[in-house]
Structures are given as C-alpha cells and as structure tokens.
Amino acid sequence: MFNKLGANYSRTIYLLTGDLSTYEEITDPAEQGKFFAESSYVVDIKSDKHRYLICWMGNKLVGDEISKTTLAMDNICDNINTSNMTRFRIRKGREDEGFLRFFPEGFIILDEARVPISQWYEKVNEKGAMFRVQAPFGNGVRAFEQNERSASHLNSGDAYVVFLHGLHHAFAWQGLGANEHEITSARRLMGAFTTKPEIRVDAKEGEEPEEFWEAVGGKGEYASVKDHGFAPNFEPRLFNVSNSSGITFMKEVIAFTQEDLFNEDTYILDSYDTIYVWIGNMSNKFEQKGVITRAEKYIASLTDERDITETHIQEIYAGREPSHFTVQFAQWEDEIADKWLETDSKVLQ
C-alpha cells in the first residue's frame, strides 16, 4: 500500500480534538509512538513522491464522527486532494505491517482517554504497568497496555512487559508460543519510555522467578500452552454468525478486537482446545441455535494437528465472559461488557 512513498519521508502525528474536526500536533518526543486507546489521531506520512493521511481510530466511530475526521484531514492538507495523496482510516487493533513500520520505536496503545503524557508517566510511576506485545505480521509490532498488572492477562501465544512502580525494574515475559519478533520487541519496549529501568529481567514461561509473579499480583490461572494445549504460533480466530440478511452466514473477523462483538449477533471464537460460542443478549433464537450448528461443523472441518475429539464447545453470554475468553483479545474493557448486560432480560427482570 505504501510503495509510492520512496525511501525518504517525514512523519507527523496529530491528535483529533473537540468534535474530531480539530487537531493539535503531537510534538513531545515522550509521546511519539504512543496512542491513547480512547482517542483518535491522524498520521501524516509525506515524501516528495506521495503523501498518506491515515486516521487511526481508538474508539469505534460512526456516521457524523467519521465525517468530522474527514474535515480534520481536509484542514491538515489545506483541502488539497490530488492523485499524489492517499487517505484512509485504521481501527485500533487492525494496524497492518505496512502502517506499523512507520513506528520503529514501537507502536504503543495506552489504555485510557488521552491525558498529558506527563500525567500518564506519573500514574505508571506510582502503579507500574503491563503491556501485551503482539507481532501477527512479522516485523509489524504493537504493544497494548493492560488495565492492571495481573497474571490473568498472560497468554502463551504472546510476549509481555511488566514495569514495577517507579519504572526502575522491568520483566520481559516470553510465552512459549511467542514469536521471535514479539520477544525482541518486548525487550526493546523496556527502553521505550523516558524513565529507563535499571533492572531488566527476561522471564521465560515456566522459568519465571518468584519476583515476576509478585509483580503480576501472584501466580494465577492464564491461557497457557500447558493447560490448554494450543500449538506454538497459533493465533485465535473469530467468526461472526448472523442472519441479519435473512440467511444465516458465518464470516471471519480479521484482526479482531472487543469492539467487533455486537450484542445483536453471535460469534465463534477458536482458541484451539475450546471453541467458544458467544451469544449476544439481543441476538435472535435462530442465530442462537444456528451458531451451535456452525461451531459443530467448524470443528468437523479442522485439518490441523489438534485432536478434534478433545476440542469442545463452550457457550458464553455477553457480559459474562470468563478470563480464558477475554484474554484472547489484545485488550478487554469490562465497561463495554457491562453495557451488554443492560439489555439482558435476565438482568432487567
């Protein structure tokens, strides 16, 4: 997609403000490569051959909000739109390798609405932080801040970085299924902030020092290769099952996030040994029945090395997701799940 750019280019990042039609340039070096999950930005990549304006949407935008981002991009480029310019949008969690390569210092998603970066550092200095490092596209690496330091966020398929309060001590945890890019990037992430940890420790899954478990609130259950038997480098897959068009269909959701789950639909999540059937509280009875049938057919069609006789289906309902389900998502917000419960007839009664 970015083959028109050439070797020499500049990168400017703008935070969209107000109603998303206005903006301000991010100039603080401490904030470069760091995106707040509940905000939206425009990344301006420019060379003498081509220019790309990319709107990165932390929150899922709709209708008028998207129109406002168009106005912001118009203003950034002085309403010039030629064949030498390409404009498009990317949702949080769907960044591809082409986009991520513009952030050699790392693409880091911070788990909150945007605050002055100094204020974020104050919070992390006081409480520490935990990041999940994913490289699903090889060299394209991104890191998601987790909402707390907890063992329940760990997943054998990825690498993690855990900072203790004060940022003086950091662990790079290597899941057994983490790939080389994730492991290397986790180590690099330990030095990506203005305060550099004096003590940096590699913690391989199964060989963790006791200090690591203390840093994540104690040793607890998580999605591990040992317990769940998934193959190294296995990536979970999400499928939407809906009859919104009058015919029940099943469609894979690529680079999925929690925002892809709609309370009006049903979904299948393949986590290797368990096929989760997620049922939205506003889905209809035909979808709820059809998604089970689709899950059974999906298991029967598997051709990888897993034993399908040991692969089971687990039904879960929107707002009541167990941790082994939520950890399949790079970030999971309980606030979003709580809103699904507001439409659950069992809760409303």
Protein backbone atom coordinates (compact mmCIF):
# COMPACT_ATOMS: atom_id res chain seq x y z
CA MET A 1 0.00 0.00 0.00
CA PHE A 2 2.86 2.38 0.80
CA ASN A 3 5.03 1.54 -2.23
CA LYS A 4 4.57 5.05 -3.72
CA LEU A 5 6.38 6.72 -0.84
CA GLY A 6 10.07 6.28 -1.59
CA ALA A 7 12.89 5.94 0.92
CA ASN A 8 12.85 9.43 2.43
CA TYR A 9 9.74 10.66 4.21
CA SER A 10 8.57 12.59 7.24
CA ARG A 11 6.03 11.59 9.89
CA THR A 12 3.76 13.96 11.75
CA ILE A 13 1.12 12.89 14.26
CA TYR A 14 -1.97 14.93 15.08
CA LEU A 15 -4.40 14.32 17.95
CA LEU A 16 -8.02 14.93 16.95
CA THR A 17 -9.70 17.17 19.49
CA GLY A 18 -13.16 18.50 20.34
CA ASP A 19 -15.74 17.04 17.97
CA LEU A 20 -12.89 15.38 15.97
CA SER A 21 -12.83 18.12 13.31
CA THR A 22 -9.98 20.00 15.04
CA TYR A 23 -6.50 18.82 15.85
CA GLU A 24 -3.20 19.54 17.53
CA GLU A 25 0.24 18.27 16.61
CA ILE A 26 1.98 15.83 18.96
CA THR A 27 5.40 17.41 19.42
CA ASP A 28 6.60 15.95 22.73
CA PRO A 29 9.23 13.26 21.94
CA ALA A 30 8.00 11.34 25.00
CA GLU A 31 4.61 10.84 23.33
CA GLN A 32 5.84 9.79 19.88
CA GLY A 33 4.61 6.29 19.02
CA LYS A 34 2.16 6.26 21.94
CA PHE A 35 -1.56 6.34 21.16
CA PHE A 36 -4.31 6.63 23.74
CA ALA A 37 -6.93 3.94 23.20
CA GLU A 38 -9.97 6.21 23.58
CA SER A 39 -8.72 8.96 21.27
CA SER A 40 -8.31 9.34 17.51
CA TYR A 41 -5.33 10.62 15.54
CA VAL A 42 -4.18 11.49 12.03
CA VAL A 43 -0.75 10.21 10.98
CA ASP A 44 0.68 12.29 8.13
CA ILE A 45 3.37 10.44 6.13
CA LYS A 46 4.86 12.68 3.45
CA SER A 47 7.60 12.44 0.84
CA ASP A 48 8.30 14.30 -2.40
CA LYS A 49 6.57 11.44 -4.27
CA HIS A 50 3.42 10.76 -2.30
CA ARG A 51 1.52 11.66 0.87
CA TYR A 52 -0.56 9.42 3.11
CA LEU A 53 -3.07 10.74 5.63
CA ILE A 54 -4.11 7.91 7.94
CA CYS A 55 -6.83 8.38 10.54
CA TRP A 56 -6.25 6.00 13.46
CA MET A 57 -9.46 5.48 15.39
CA GLY A 58 -9.10 4.40 19.00
CA ASN A 59 -12.83 4.44 19.64
CA LYS A 60 -15.14 2.94 17.05
CA LEU A 61 -16.55 5.95 15.19
CA VAL A 62 -19.87 6.18 13.39
CA GLY A 63 -21.72 8.46 10.99
CA ASP A 64 -21.17 12.12 11.80
CA GLU A 65 -17.99 11.37 13.76
CA ILE A 66 -16.36 9.90 10.66
CA SER A 67 -17.41 12.98 8.67
CA LYS A 68 -15.69 15.15 11.25
CA THR A 69 -12.42 13.24 10.81
CA THR A 70 -12.68 13.88 7.08
CA LEU A 71 -12.93 17.60 7.80
CA ALA A 72 -9.84 17.39 10.02
CA MET A 73 -7.86 15.67 7.26
CA ASP A 74 -9.06 18.33 4.78
CA ASN A 75 -7.69 21.05 7.06
CA ILE A 76 -4.40 19.24 7.65
CA CYS A 77 -3.70 19.06 3.91
CA ASP A 78 -5.17 22.55 3.18
CA ASN A 79 -8.03 20.97 1.20
CA ILE A 80 -5.58 19.68 -1.41
CA ASN A 81 -6.52 16.21 -2.65
CA THR A 82 -4.59 15.02 -5.67
CA SER A 83 -3.56 11.72 -7.20
CA ASN A 84 -0.36 12.02 -5.15
CA MET A 85 -2.30 11.71 -1.91
CA THR A 86 -3.97 8.68 -0.30
CA ARG A 87 -6.33 8.95 2.68
CA PHE A 88 -7.81 6.12 4.70
CA ARG A 89 -8.76 5.01 8.22
CA ILE A 90 -7.49 2.27 10.52
CA ARG A 91 -9.28 0.99 13.60
CA LYS A 92 -7.44 0.22 16.81
CA GLY A 93 -6.14 -3.33 16.70
CA ARG A 94 -6.22 -3.57 12.89
CA GLU A 95 -2.87 -1.97 12.16
CA ASP A 96 -1.06 -3.85 9.38
CA GLU A 97 2.67 -4.31 8.89
CA GLY A 98 2.84 -1.51 6.31
CA PHE A 99 1.45 1.01 8.79
CA LEU A 100 3.41 -0.27 11.79
CA ARG A 101 6.76 0.09 10.00
CA PHE A 102 6.44 3.86 10.37
CA PHE A 103 6.94 3.37 14.12
CA PRO A 104 10.37 1.78 14.55
CA GLU A 105 10.35 2.98 18.16
CA GLY A 106 7.26 0.82 18.72
CA PHE A 107 3.52 1.33 18.36
CA ILE A 108 2.19 1.53 21.90
CA ILE A 109 -1.52 1.75 22.76
CA LEU A 110 -2.22 3.24 26.18
CA ASP A 111 -5.34 2.08 27.99
CA GLU A 112 -7.31 5.30 28.55
CA ALA A 113 -8.52 8.57 27.09
CA ARG A 114 -5.73 10.95 26.26
CA VAL A 115 -4.14 12.86 29.11
CA PRO A 116 -0.91 14.88 29.10
CA ILE A 117 1.86 12.32 28.70
CA SER A 118 3.50 13.59 31.88
CA GLN A 119 0.32 12.69 33.77
CA TRP A 120 0.38 9.17 32.32
CA TYR A 121 4.00 8.80 33.46
CA GLU A 122 3.00 9.90 36.95
CA LYS A 123 0.38 7.14 37.06
CA VAL A 124 2.81 4.49 35.84
CA ASN A 125 5.49 5.66 38.26
CA GLU A 126 3.00 5.14 41.06
CA LYS A 127 1.34 1.89 39.94
CA GLY A 128 3.57 0.29 37.31
CA ALA A 129 2.23 -1.06 34.02
CA MET A 130 1.77 -4.22 31.96
CA PHE A 131 1.92 -4.46 28.16
CA ARG A 132 0.97 -7.27 25.79
CA VAL A 133 3.29 -7.41 22.77
CA GLN A 134 1.94 -8.83 19.51
CA ALA A 135 3.55 -9.21 16.10
CA PRO A 136 0.94 -11.01 13.97
CA PHE A 137 2.51 -9.65 10.77
CA GLY A 138 6.16 -10.42 11.41
CA ASN A 139 8.09 -7.15 11.78
CA GLY A 140 4.95 -5.12 12.47
CA VAL A 141 4.80 -4.98 16.28
CA ARG A 142 2.30 -3.32 18.60
CA ALA A 143 2.00 -3.22 22.38
CA PHE A 144 -1.28 -2.93 24.30
CA GLU A 145 -1.33 -1.60 27.85
CA GLN A 146 -3.41 -3.86 30.10
CA ASN A 147 -5.79 -2.35 32.65
CA GLU A 148 -3.83 -3.83 35.57
CA ARG A 149 -0.79 -5.93 36.38
CA SER A 150 -2.36 -9.37 36.64
CA ALA A 151 -1.36 -12.93 35.75
CA SER A 152 -4.84 -13.42 34.25
CA HIS A 153 -3.80 -11.24 31.28
CA LEU A 154 -0.98 -13.60 30.27
CA ASN A 155 -1.29 -15.71 27.14
CA SER A 156 1.34 -18.23 26.00
CA GLY A 157 0.97 -17.01 22.43
CA ASP A 158 2.47 -13.57 23.11
CA ALA A 159 5.20 -11.70 24.96
CA TYR A 160 4.63 -9.20 27.78
CA VAL A 161 6.46 -6.42 29.54
CA VAL A 162 5.77 -5.70 33.21
CA PHE A 163 7.05 -2.49 34.83
CA LEU A 164 7.14 -2.17 38.58
CA HIS A 165 6.14 1.14 40.13
CA GLY A 166 8.85 3.71 39.65
CA LEU A 167 9.81 2.05 36.33
CA HIS A 168 13.16 1.04 37.86
CA HIS A 169 12.55 -2.69 37.38
CA ALA A 170 11.01 -4.46 34.35
CA PHE A 171 10.33 -8.03 33.24
CA ALA A 172 10.07 -9.26 29.64
CA TRP A 173 7.88 -12.38 29.81
CA GLN A 174 8.20 -14.80 26.87
CA GLY A 175 5.23 -17.07 26.25
CA LEU A 176 6.12 -20.48 24.82
CA GLY A 177 4.18 -19.59 21.67
CA ALA A 178 5.60 -16.07 21.26
CA ASN A 179 7.45 -15.49 18.01
CA GLU A 180 10.93 -14.03 17.60
CA HIS A 181 9.67 -10.54 16.74
CA GLU A 182 7.48 -10.40 19.85
CA ILE A 183 10.32 -11.50 22.14
CA THR A 184 12.78 -9.00 20.62
CA SER A 185 10.22 -6.19 20.74
CA ALA A 186 9.34 -6.90 24.37
CA ARG A 187 12.99 -6.42 25.29
CA ARG A 188 13.13 -3.22 23.25
CA LEU A 189 9.92 -1.93 24.84
CA MET A 190 11.60 -1.92 28.23
CA GLY A 191 13.64 1.05 27.00
CA ALA A 192 10.87 2.85 25.11
CA PHE A 193 9.95 5.27 27.89
CA THR A 194 11.69 8.32 29.26
CA THR A 195 12.50 6.52 32.51
CA LYS A 196 14.77 3.56 31.70
CA PRO A 197 14.61 0.54 34.03
CA GLU A 198 17.87 -0.12 35.84
CA ILE A 199 16.99 -3.82 36.22
CA ARG A 200 15.71 -5.74 33.19
CA VAL A 201 14.90 -9.43 33.52
CA ASP A 202 13.91 -11.99 30.87
CA ALA A 203 11.27 -14.36 32.24
CA LYS A 204 10.62 -17.41 30.08
CA GLU A 205 7.31 -19.17 30.58
CA GLY A 206 7.81 -21.99 33.05
CA GLU A 207 11.06 -20.49 34.36
CA GLU A 208 9.74 -17.32 35.98
CA PRO A 209 11.45 -16.03 39.12
CA GLU A 210 9.23 -15.50 42.14
CA GLU A 211 9.69 -11.75 41.75
CA PHE A 212 7.86 -11.89 38.43
CA TRP A 213 4.76 -13.46 39.98
CA GLU A 214 4.85 -10.87 42.74
CA ALA A 215 4.89 -8.18 40.02
CA VAL A 216 1.65 -9.51 38.49
CA GLY A 217 -0.25 -9.89 41.74
CA GLY A 218 0.64 -13.52 42.40
CA LYS A 219 0.71 -16.69 40.35
CA GLY A 220 -2.71 -17.45 38.90
CA GLU A 221 -4.52 -19.11 36.02
CA TYR A 222 -3.95 -17.85 32.49
CA ALA A 223 -4.24 -19.10 28.89
CA SER A 224 -1.18 -21.36 28.83
CA VAL A 225 0.11 -23.93 26.37
CA LYS A 226 0.49 -26.42 29.21
CA ASP A 227 -3.12 -26.14 30.36
CA HIS A 228 -4.82 -25.60 27.02
CA GLY A 229 -2.59 -27.46 24.61
CA PHE A 230 -2.57 -24.96 21.73
CA ALA A 231 0.32 -25.12 19.29
CA PRO A 232 3.11 -22.53 19.33
CA ASN A 233 2.36 -19.62 16.96
CA PHE A 234 -1.35 -20.50 16.95
CA GLU A 235 -3.46 -17.36 16.53
CA PRO A 236 -7.10 -17.38 17.74
CA ARG A 237 -9.81 -16.81 15.11
CA LEU A 238 -13.15 -15.04 15.47
CA PHE A 239 -16.20 -15.61 13.26
CA ASN A 240 -19.43 -13.62 13.15
CA VAL A 241 -22.59 -15.73 12.80
CA SER A 242 -25.68 -13.70 11.91
CA ASN A 243 -28.90 -13.85 9.92
CA SER A 244 -29.27 -10.08 9.58
CA SER A 245 -29.62 -10.52 5.81
CA GLY A 246 -32.32 -13.17 6.20
CA ILE A 247 -29.86 -16.02 5.65
CA THR A 248 -27.52 -17.28 8.36
CA PHE A 249 -23.90 -16.65 7.39
CA MET A 250 -20.52 -17.16 9.04
CA LYS A 251 -17.74 -14.68 8.29
CA GLU A 252 -14.26 -14.44 9.77
CA VAL A 253 -13.34 -11.20 11.53
CA ILE A 254 -9.73 -10.42 10.67
CA ALA A 255 -7.52 -8.75 13.33
CA PHE A 256 -10.45 -8.77 15.73
CA THR A 257 -10.97 -6.60 18.79
CA GLN A 258 -13.59 -6.46 21.54
CA GLU A 259 -15.35 -3.71 19.55
CA ASP A 260 -16.13 -6.29 16.84
CA LEU A 261 -18.56 -8.08 19.16
CA PHE A 262 -22.12 -6.86 18.61
CA ASN A 263 -24.77 -7.63 21.21
CA GLU A 264 -27.26 -8.32 18.38
CA ASP A 265 -25.19 -11.17 16.93
CA THR A 266 -23.48 -14.44 17.82
CA TYR A 267 -19.83 -15.40 17.34
CA ILE A 268 -17.46 -18.36 17.28
CA LEU A 269 -14.01 -17.93 18.81
CA ASP A 270 -11.45 -20.64 18.09
CA SER A 271 -8.92 -20.75 20.95
CA TYR A 272 -7.55 -24.17 19.90
CA ASP A 273 -8.79 -26.64 22.51
CA THR A 274 -12.00 -24.70 23.14
CA ILE A 275 -14.43 -23.32 20.58
CA TYR A 276 -16.30 -20.55 22.33
CA VAL A 277 -19.82 -19.70 21.22
CA TRP A 278 -20.50 -16.10 22.25
CA ILE A 279 -24.20 -15.21 22.37
CA GLY A 280 -25.27 -11.59 22.31
CA ASN A 281 -28.16 -10.72 24.60
CA MET A 282 -30.08 -9.18 21.69
CA SER A 283 -29.44 -12.00 19.21
CA ASN A 284 -32.50 -13.92 17.99
CA LYS A 285 -33.35 -17.56 18.61
CA PHE A 286 -32.43 -18.57 15.05
CA GLU A 287 -28.91 -17.20 15.45
CA GLN A 288 -28.55 -18.77 18.89
CA LYS A 289 -29.50 -22.16 17.51
CA GLY A 290 -27.58 -21.77 14.26
CA VAL A 291 -24.30 -20.75 15.89
CA ILE A 292 -24.08 -24.09 17.74
CA THR A 293 -24.58 -25.98 14.48
CA ARG A 294 -21.94 -23.84 12.79
CA ALA A 295 -19.49 -24.49 15.64
CA GLU A 296 -20.00 -28.24 15.34
CA LYS A 297 -19.41 -28.10 11.58
CA TYR A 298 -16.35 -25.91 12.10
CA ILE A 299 -14.76 -28.47 14.44
CA ALA A 300 -15.52 -31.29 12.00
CA SER A 301 -13.76 -29.34 9.22
CA LEU A 302 -10.49 -28.77 11.12
CA THR A 303 -7.45 -30.21 9.38
CA ASP A 304 -4.61 -29.10 11.68
CA GLU A 305 -2.80 -31.30 14.20
CA ARG A 306 -5.27 -30.97 17.05
CA ASP A 307 -7.44 -33.87 18.16
CA ILE A 308 -10.99 -32.80 17.35
CA THR A 309 -12.34 -35.37 19.80
CA GLU A 310 -10.68 -33.31 22.54
CA THR A 311 -11.90 -29.98 21.16
CA HIS A 312 -15.07 -28.88 22.93
CA ILE A 313 -17.68 -26.14 22.58
CA GLN A 314 -18.35 -23.72 25.42
CA GLU A 315 -21.32 -21.35 25.34
CA ILE A 316 -20.90 -17.97 26.97
CA TYR A 317 -23.20 -14.97 27.12
CA ALA A 318 -22.42 -11.32 26.54
CA GLY A 319 -21.22 -9.66 29.73
CA ARG A 320 -20.36 -12.95 31.47
CA GLU A 321 -17.12 -13.82 29.70
CA PRO A 322 -14.55 -15.95 31.60
CA SER A 323 -10.92 -14.83 31.66
CA HIS A 324 -9.85 -17.60 29.27
CA PHE A 325 -12.14 -15.98 26.70
CA THR A 326 -11.26 -12.35 27.32
CA VAL A 327 -7.51 -13.00 27.20
CA GLN A 328 -7.85 -13.95 23.52
CA PHE A 329 -8.40 -10.23 22.87
CA ALA A 330 -5.43 -7.87 22.97
CA GLN A 331 -7.39 -5.54 25.25
CA TRP A 332 -10.63 -6.18 27.13
CA GLU A 333 -12.70 -3.45 28.78
CA ASP A 334 -15.19 -4.51 31.45
CA GLU A 335 -17.08 -1.27 30.88
CA ILE A 336 -18.04 -2.41 27.36
CA ALA A 337 -19.13 -5.84 28.62
CA ASP A 338 -21.24 -4.20 31.35
CA LYS A 339 -23.22 -2.34 28.69
CA TRP A 340 -24.15 -5.66 27.05
CA LEU A 341 -25.74 -6.75 30.33
CA GLU A 342 -28.02 -3.70 30.33
CA THR A 343 -30.06 -5.35 27.56
CA ASP A 344 -30.13 -8.81 29.14
CA SER A 345 -33.71 -9.71 30.03
CA LYS A 346 -32.44 -11.85 32.94
CA VAL A 347 -30.84 -8.74 34.46
CA LEU A 348 -33.76 -6.43 33.74
CA GLN A 349 -36.31 -8.67 35.43
